[in-house]
Amino acid sequence: MGILREFREFALKGNVVDMAVGVIIGGAFGTIVNSLIKDVIMPIVGIAGKADFSSMKILLKAKDPADPASADNFLNYGNFITIVINFIILAFAIFVMIKLLNTAKKRFEKEKEAAPPPGPSAEVLLLTEIRDALKKR
């Protein structure tokens, strides 16, 4: 039972749960960015030129007519170009998101610093009253 208890404590630590939430949200964010790339950015790129890079390939070995089971062998560099473009756009989107979060965090910290410090607690006020009462005696 010691291993199960130890595993439960590990799995329920704040960092592990936070990381799991981050991975799930990151996957959803990746889907959003992929849709942005595929449905919004690539059509705009298509106006300027060729948008579908996936058909770009180099024939390395042609199909052997004597062997019907053989197939053409291609170097699909177009898929690689598309994935690199997706990565660059995804990295930029994450950069912008982190930059906005850091700016908001700095603004929140400045507001927190600018707030006046809270007055003395009720406990301190009570002790001050007791001290003053004792001084009067």
N, C-alpha and C. Protein backbone atom coordinates (compact mmCIF):
# COMPACT_ATOMS: atom_id res chain seq x y z
N MET A 1 0.82 -1.21 0.00
CA MET A 1 0.00 0.00 0.00
C MET A 1 0.86 1.27 0.00
N GLY A 2 2.12 1.17 0.42
CA GLY A 2 2.99 2.33 0.46
C GLY A 2 3.22 2.92 -0.92
N ILE A 3 3.37 2.05 -1.92
CA ILE A 3 3.62 2.52 -3.28
C ILE A 3 2.39 3.24 -3.82
N LEU A 4 1.20 2.70 -3.57
CA LEU A 4 -0.02 3.35 -4.05
C LEU A 4 -0.20 4.72 -3.42
N ARG A 5 0.06 4.80 -2.11
CA ARG A 5 -0.06 6.09 -1.42
C ARG A 5 0.95 7.09 -1.97
N GLU A 6 2.18 6.62 -2.19
CA GLU A 6 3.23 7.47 -2.72
C GLU A 6 2.88 7.96 -4.13
N PHE A 7 2.34 7.04 -4.95
CA PHE A 7 1.94 7.42 -6.31
C PHE A 7 0.81 8.44 -6.28
N ARG A 8 -0.17 8.23 -5.40
CA ARG A 8 -1.30 9.16 -5.29
C ARG A 8 -0.79 10.55 -4.90
N GLU A 9 0.13 10.61 -3.93
CA GLU A 9 0.67 11.91 -3.52
C GLU A 9 1.41 12.58 -4.67
N PHE A 10 2.16 11.78 -5.44
CA PHE A 10 2.88 12.33 -6.59
C PHE A 10 1.91 12.84 -7.65
N ALA A 11 0.91 12.03 -7.98
CA ALA A 11 -0.02 12.36 -9.06
C ALA A 11 -0.89 13.55 -8.71
N LEU A 12 -1.15 13.76 -7.44
CA LEU A 12 -2.04 14.85 -7.05
C LEU A 12 -1.31 16.11 -6.60
N LYS A 13 0.02 16.10 -6.74
CA LYS A 13 0.76 17.33 -6.43
C LYS A 13 0.32 18.41 -7.38
N GLY A 14 0.37 19.64 -6.94
CA GLY A 14 -0.07 20.76 -7.75
C GLY A 14 0.65 20.86 -9.08
N ASN A 15 1.96 20.63 -9.10
CA ASN A 15 2.71 20.78 -10.34
C ASN A 15 2.28 19.77 -11.39
N VAL A 16 2.03 18.54 -10.99
CA VAL A 16 1.64 17.51 -11.95
C VAL A 16 0.26 17.82 -12.52
N VAL A 17 -0.66 18.22 -11.68
CA VAL A 17 -2.00 18.56 -12.15
C VAL A 17 -1.93 19.79 -13.06
N ASP A 18 -1.15 20.80 -12.67
CA ASP A 18 -1.00 21.99 -13.50
C ASP A 18 -0.40 21.63 -14.86
N MET A 19 0.57 20.74 -14.86
CA MET A 19 1.18 20.32 -16.11
C MET A 19 0.17 19.60 -16.99
N ALA A 20 -0.64 18.74 -16.40
CA ALA A 20 -1.66 18.02 -17.18
C ALA A 20 -2.66 19.00 -17.80
N VAL A 21 -3.08 19.98 -17.03
CA VAL A 21 -3.99 20.99 -17.56
C VAL A 21 -3.31 21.76 -18.69
N GLY A 22 -2.05 22.09 -18.52
CA GLY A 22 -1.30 22.79 -19.55
C GLY A 22 -1.19 21.99 -20.84
N VAL A 23 -0.96 20.69 -20.71
CA VAL A 23 -0.86 19.83 -21.90
C VAL A 23 -2.20 19.78 -22.63
N ILE A 24 -3.29 19.65 -21.88
CA ILE A 24 -4.62 19.58 -22.50
C ILE A 24 -4.95 20.90 -23.19
N ILE A 25 -4.71 22.01 -22.52
CA ILE A 25 -4.98 23.31 -23.11
C ILE A 25 -4.03 23.56 -24.29
N GLY A 26 -2.79 23.11 -24.17
CA GLY A 26 -1.84 23.25 -25.28
C GLY A 26 -2.30 22.48 -26.51
N GLY A 27 -2.85 21.28 -26.31
CA GLY A 27 -3.38 20.52 -27.44
C GLY A 27 -4.53 21.23 -28.10
N ALA A 28 -5.41 21.79 -27.29
CA ALA A 28 -6.54 22.54 -27.85
C ALA A 28 -6.05 23.79 -28.56
N PHE A 29 -5.06 24.46 -27.99
CA PHE A 29 -4.50 25.66 -28.61
C PHE A 29 -3.83 25.30 -29.93
N GLY A 30 -3.15 24.15 -29.96
CA GLY A 30 -2.52 23.68 -31.20
C GLY A 30 -3.56 23.46 -32.30
N THR A 31 -4.71 22.91 -31.93
CA THR A 31 -5.78 22.70 -32.90
C THR A 31 -6.29 24.03 -33.44
N ILE A 32 -6.43 25.00 -32.57
CA ILE A 32 -6.88 26.33 -33.00
C ILE A 32 -5.87 26.95 -33.96
N VAL A 33 -4.59 26.87 -33.61
CA VAL A 33 -3.56 27.47 -34.46
C VAL A 33 -3.47 26.72 -35.80
N ASN A 34 -3.61 25.39 -35.77
CA ASN A 34 -3.59 24.63 -37.03
C ASN A 34 -4.75 25.05 -37.93
N SER A 35 -5.91 25.27 -37.35
CA SER A 35 -7.06 25.74 -38.12
C SER A 35 -6.79 27.14 -38.67
N LEU A 36 -6.18 27.99 -37.86
CA LEU A 36 -5.82 29.33 -38.31
C LEU A 36 -4.89 29.25 -39.52
N ILE A 37 -3.91 28.37 -39.43
CA ILE A 37 -2.96 28.21 -40.53
C ILE A 37 -3.65 27.68 -41.78
N LYS A 38 -4.39 26.59 -41.60
CA LYS A 38 -5.00 25.90 -42.75
C LYS A 38 -6.14 26.71 -43.38
N ASP A 39 -6.98 27.30 -42.55
CA ASP A 39 -8.21 27.93 -43.04
C ASP A 39 -8.10 29.43 -43.29
N VAL A 40 -7.12 30.09 -42.68
CA VAL A 40 -7.03 31.55 -42.82
C VAL A 40 -5.73 31.97 -43.51
N ILE A 41 -4.60 31.51 -43.00
CA ILE A 41 -3.32 32.01 -43.51
C ILE A 41 -2.95 31.40 -44.86
N MET A 42 -3.09 30.08 -45.00
CA MET A 42 -2.69 29.45 -46.25
C MET A 42 -3.51 29.93 -47.45
N PRO A 43 -4.82 30.17 -47.33
CA PRO A 43 -5.53 30.75 -48.48
C PRO A 43 -4.99 32.13 -48.87
N ILE A 44 -4.59 32.92 -47.87
CA ILE A 44 -4.00 34.23 -48.17
C ILE A 44 -2.66 34.05 -48.88
N VAL A 45 -1.87 33.08 -48.42
CA VAL A 45 -0.60 32.77 -49.09
C VAL A 45 -0.90 32.27 -50.50
N GLY A 46 -2.00 31.54 -50.67
CA GLY A 46 -2.38 31.01 -51.98
C GLY A 46 -2.67 32.10 -52.98
N ILE A 47 -3.12 33.26 -52.52
CA ILE A 47 -3.37 34.38 -53.43
C ILE A 47 -2.06 34.84 -54.05
N ALA A 48 -1.00 34.86 -53.23
CA ALA A 48 0.29 35.32 -53.71
C ALA A 48 1.00 34.25 -54.55
N GLY A 49 0.67 33.00 -54.36
CA GLY A 49 1.35 31.94 -55.10
C GLY A 49 0.75 30.60 -54.73
N LYS A 50 1.57 29.58 -54.81
CA LYS A 50 1.11 28.22 -54.54
C LYS A 50 0.91 28.04 -53.04
N ALA A 51 -0.27 27.61 -52.62
CA ALA A 51 -0.56 27.46 -51.19
C ALA A 51 -0.43 26.01 -50.74
N ASP A 52 -0.65 25.07 -51.64
CA ASP A 52 -0.60 23.66 -51.25
C ASP A 52 0.76 23.10 -51.60
N PHE A 53 1.63 23.03 -50.60
CA PHE A 53 2.97 22.53 -50.82
C PHE A 53 3.04 21.01 -50.77
N SER A 54 1.97 20.36 -50.33
CA SER A 54 2.01 18.90 -50.12
C SER A 54 2.20 18.13 -51.43
N SER A 55 1.88 18.70 -52.57
CA SER A 55 2.05 18.00 -53.83
C SER A 55 3.48 18.12 -54.37
N MET A 56 4.31 18.90 -53.71
CA MET A 56 5.69 19.07 -54.16
C MET A 56 6.52 17.88 -53.72
N LYS A 57 7.10 17.16 -54.70
CA LYS A 57 7.89 15.98 -54.37
C LYS A 57 8.85 15.68 -55.51
N ILE A 58 9.84 14.86 -55.20
CA ILE A 58 10.84 14.44 -56.18
C ILE A 58 10.75 12.92 -56.29
N LEU A 59 10.68 12.43 -57.51
CA LEU A 59 10.63 10.98 -57.75
C LEU A 59 12.03 10.41 -57.55
N LEU A 60 12.18 9.50 -56.59
CA LEU A 60 13.47 8.87 -56.34
C LEU A 60 13.61 7.56 -57.11
N LYS A 61 12.54 6.78 -57.14
CA LYS A 61 12.58 5.49 -57.84
C LYS A 61 11.21 5.26 -58.45
N ALA A 62 11.19 5.03 -59.74
CA ALA A 62 9.93 4.81 -60.44
C ALA A 62 9.45 3.39 -60.21
N LYS A 63 8.17 3.22 -60.37
CA LYS A 63 7.54 1.90 -60.22
C LYS A 63 8.12 0.97 -61.28
N ASP A 64 8.41 -0.26 -60.86
CA ASP A 64 8.94 -1.27 -61.77
C ASP A 64 7.78 -1.92 -62.51
N PRO A 65 7.69 -1.75 -63.82
CA PRO A 65 6.57 -2.34 -64.56
C PRO A 65 6.56 -3.86 -64.49
N ALA A 66 7.72 -4.48 -64.26
CA ALA A 66 7.77 -5.94 -64.19
C ALA A 66 7.24 -6.46 -62.86
N ASP A 67 7.26 -5.62 -61.83
CA ASP A 67 6.78 -6.05 -60.50
C ASP A 67 5.56 -5.21 -60.11
N PRO A 68 4.35 -5.77 -60.22
CA PRO A 68 3.14 -4.99 -59.90
C PRO A 68 3.04 -4.57 -58.44
N ALA A 69 3.76 -5.24 -57.55
CA ALA A 69 3.70 -4.89 -56.13
C ALA A 69 4.59 -3.70 -55.79
N SER A 70 5.46 -3.32 -56.69
CA SER A 70 6.35 -2.19 -56.41
C SER A 70 5.57 -0.88 -56.52
N ALA A 71 6.13 0.15 -55.91
CA ALA A 71 5.47 1.46 -55.93
C ALA A 71 6.51 2.54 -56.18
N ASP A 72 6.02 3.69 -56.62
CA ASP A 72 6.92 4.83 -56.80
C ASP A 72 7.43 5.27 -55.44
N ASN A 73 8.66 5.74 -55.42
CA ASN A 73 9.28 6.21 -54.19
C ASN A 73 9.58 7.70 -54.35
N PHE A 74 8.96 8.52 -53.50
CA PHE A 74 9.08 9.97 -53.62
C PHE A 74 9.74 10.57 -52.38
N LEU A 75 10.44 11.66 -52.61
CA LEU A 75 10.94 12.50 -51.52
C LEU A 75 9.93 13.64 -51.40
N ASN A 76 9.09 13.60 -50.37
CA ASN A 76 7.99 14.55 -50.20
C ASN A 76 8.45 15.78 -49.43
N TYR A 77 9.21 16.64 -50.06
CA TYR A 77 9.71 17.83 -49.38
C TYR A 77 8.61 18.88 -49.18
N GLY A 78 7.53 18.80 -49.94
CA GLY A 78 6.43 19.75 -49.78
C GLY A 78 5.76 19.63 -48.42
N ASN A 79 5.58 18.40 -47.95
CA ASN A 79 5.01 18.20 -46.60
C ASN A 79 5.91 18.82 -45.55
N PHE A 80 7.23 18.66 -45.72
CA PHE A 80 8.18 19.23 -44.77
C PHE A 80 8.06 20.76 -44.75
N ILE A 81 7.95 21.38 -45.92
CA ILE A 81 7.80 22.84 -45.99
C ILE A 81 6.53 23.27 -45.25
N THR A 82 5.44 22.55 -45.47
CA THR A 82 4.18 22.89 -44.80
C THR A 82 4.32 22.78 -43.29
N ILE A 83 4.96 21.73 -42.81
CA ILE A 83 5.13 21.54 -41.37
C ILE A 83 6.03 22.62 -40.78
N VAL A 84 7.07 23.02 -41.51
CA VAL A 84 7.95 24.09 -41.02
C VAL A 84 7.17 25.41 -40.93
N ILE A 85 6.36 25.70 -41.93
CA ILE A 85 5.54 26.93 -41.89
C ILE A 85 4.57 26.87 -40.72
N ASN A 86 3.93 25.72 -40.52
CA ASN A 86 3.02 25.56 -39.37
C ASN A 86 3.75 25.79 -38.05
N PHE A 87 4.97 25.25 -37.94
CA PHE A 87 5.74 25.41 -36.71
C PHE A 87 6.07 26.88 -36.46
N ILE A 88 6.50 27.57 -37.49
CA ILE A 88 6.86 28.99 -37.33
C ILE A 88 5.65 29.80 -36.90
N ILE A 89 4.51 29.54 -37.51
CA ILE A 89 3.30 30.29 -37.14
C ILE A 89 2.86 29.93 -35.72
N LEU A 90 2.93 28.65 -35.36
CA LEU A 90 2.56 28.22 -34.01
C LEU A 90 3.50 28.83 -32.98
N ALA A 91 4.80 28.82 -33.26
CA ALA A 91 5.77 29.41 -32.33
C ALA A 91 5.52 30.91 -32.16
N PHE A 92 5.19 31.59 -33.25
CA PHE A 92 4.90 33.02 -33.16
C PHE A 92 3.63 33.28 -32.35
N ALA A 93 2.61 32.45 -32.57
CA ALA A 93 1.36 32.61 -31.82
C ALA A 93 1.59 32.39 -30.33
N ILE A 94 2.38 31.40 -29.97
CA ILE A 94 2.68 31.15 -28.56
C ILE A 94 3.51 32.30 -27.99
N PHE A 95 4.47 32.81 -28.78
CA PHE A 95 5.27 33.95 -28.35
C PHE A 95 4.38 35.15 -28.02
N VAL A 96 3.44 35.45 -28.92
CA VAL A 96 2.54 36.59 -28.70
C VAL A 96 1.68 36.36 -27.45
N MET A 97 1.18 35.12 -27.28
CA MET A 97 0.35 34.82 -26.11
C MET A 97 1.15 34.99 -24.81
N ILE A 98 2.38 34.47 -24.77
CA ILE A 98 3.22 34.60 -23.57
C ILE A 98 3.56 36.07 -23.32
N LYS A 99 3.84 36.81 -24.39
CA LYS A 99 4.14 38.23 -24.23
C LYS A 99 2.96 38.98 -23.62
N LEU A 100 1.74 38.69 -24.10
CA LEU A 100 0.55 39.32 -23.54
C LEU A 100 0.35 38.94 -22.07
N LEU A 101 0.57 37.66 -21.75
CA LEU A 101 0.43 37.22 -20.36
C LEU A 101 1.45 37.90 -19.45
N ASN A 102 2.70 38.02 -19.92
CA ASN A 102 3.73 38.69 -19.12
C ASN A 102 3.41 40.17 -18.92
N THR A 103 2.88 40.83 -19.97
CA THR A 103 2.49 42.23 -19.84
C THR A 103 1.37 42.40 -18.84
N ALA A 104 0.38 41.51 -18.91
CA ALA A 104 -0.74 41.57 -17.96
C ALA A 104 -0.25 41.30 -16.54
N LYS A 105 0.68 40.36 -16.40
CA LYS A 105 1.22 40.04 -15.08
C LYS A 105 1.98 41.23 -14.49
N LYS A 106 2.79 41.90 -15.31
CA LYS A 106 3.53 43.08 -14.83
C LYS A 106 2.57 44.18 -14.43
N ARG A 107 1.52 44.39 -15.23
CA ARG A 107 0.53 45.43 -14.91
C ARG A 107 -0.17 45.10 -13.59
N PHE A 108 -0.51 43.83 -13.39
CA PHE A 108 -1.17 43.43 -12.15
C PHE A 108 -0.24 43.63 -10.96
N GLU A 109 1.05 43.30 -11.12
CA GLU A 109 2.00 43.48 -10.02
C GLU A 109 2.19 44.96 -9.69
N LYS A 110 2.19 45.84 -10.71
CA LYS A 110 2.32 47.27 -10.45
C LYS A 110 1.11 47.79 -9.68
N GLU A 111 -0.09 47.33 -10.06
CA GLU A 111 -1.30 47.74 -9.34
C GLU A 111 -1.26 47.23 -7.91
N LYS A 112 -0.73 46.03 -7.73
CA LYS A 112 -0.65 45.46 -6.39
C LYS A 112 0.34 46.25 -5.53
N GLU A 113 1.46 46.67 -6.14
CA GLU A 113 2.44 47.47 -5.40
C GLU A 113 1.90 48.86 -5.08
N ALA A 114 1.11 49.41 -5.97
CA ALA A 114 0.59 50.75 -5.79
C ALA A 114 -0.51 50.81 -4.72
N ALA A 115 -1.15 49.69 -4.45
CA ALA A 115 -2.22 49.67 -3.45
C ALA A 115 -1.62 49.97 -2.08
N PRO A 116 -2.32 50.78 -1.29
CA PRO A 116 -1.78 51.10 0.05
C PRO A 116 -1.77 49.84 0.91
N PRO A 117 -0.78 49.76 1.78
CA PRO A 117 -0.73 48.58 2.64
C PRO A 117 -1.93 48.57 3.59
N PRO A 118 -2.42 47.40 3.88
CA PRO A 118 -3.58 47.33 4.78
C PRO A 118 -3.20 47.83 6.17
N GLY A 119 -4.19 48.37 6.87
CA GLY A 119 -3.96 48.88 8.22
C GLY A 119 -3.63 47.74 9.18
N PRO A 120 -3.37 48.10 10.41
CA PRO A 120 -3.05 47.06 11.39
C PRO A 120 -4.23 46.12 11.59
N SER A 121 -3.91 44.89 11.89
CA SER A 121 -4.96 43.88 12.07
C SER A 121 -5.73 44.16 13.36
N ALA A 122 -6.85 43.49 13.49
CA ALA A 122 -7.69 43.66 14.68
C ALA A 122 -6.93 43.24 15.93
N GLU A 123 -6.09 42.23 15.77
CA GLU A 123 -5.31 41.74 16.91
C GLU A 123 -4.33 42.82 17.39
N VAL A 124 -3.67 43.48 16.45
CA VAL A 124 -2.72 44.53 16.79
C VAL A 124 -3.44 45.72 17.43
N LEU A 125 -4.61 46.06 16.89
CA LEU A 125 -5.38 47.16 17.48
C LEU A 125 -5.78 46.84 18.92
N LEU A 126 -6.20 45.62 19.16
CA LEU A 126 -6.59 45.21 20.52
C LEU A 126 -5.40 45.28 21.46
N LEU A 127 -4.25 44.77 21.01
CA LEU A 127 -3.05 44.82 21.85
C LEU A 127 -2.62 46.27 22.12
N THR A 128 -2.79 47.15 21.14
CA THR A 128 -2.46 48.56 21.33
C THR A 128 -3.36 49.18 22.38
N GLU A 129 -4.66 48.85 22.33
CA GLU A 129 -5.59 49.38 23.32
C GLU A 129 -5.23 48.88 24.73
N ILE A 130 -4.87 47.60 24.82
CA ILE A 130 -4.49 47.05 26.13
C ILE A 130 -3.24 47.75 26.64
N ARG A 131 -2.26 47.95 25.79
CA ARG A 131 -1.02 48.64 26.19
C ARG A 131 -1.32 50.06 26.67
N ASP A 132 -2.17 50.76 25.92
CA ASP A 132 -2.51 52.14 26.32
C ASP A 132 -3.27 52.15 27.65
N ALA A 133 -4.16 51.18 27.88
CA ALA A 133 -4.89 51.11 29.13
C ALA A 133 -3.95 50.83 30.28
N LEU A 134 -2.96 49.98 30.05
CA LEU A 134 -1.99 49.68 31.12
C LEU A 134 -1.11 50.88 31.42
N LYS A 135 -0.79 51.69 30.42
CA LYS A 135 0.03 52.87 30.63
C LYS A 135 -0.71 53.90 31.48
N LYS A 136 -2.03 53.98 31.33
CA LYS A 136 -2.82 54.95 32.08
C LYS A 136 -2.87 54.59 33.56
N ARG A 137 -2.72 53.39 33.95
CA ARG A 137 -2.79 52.99 35.35
C ARG A 137 -1.65 53.42 36.14
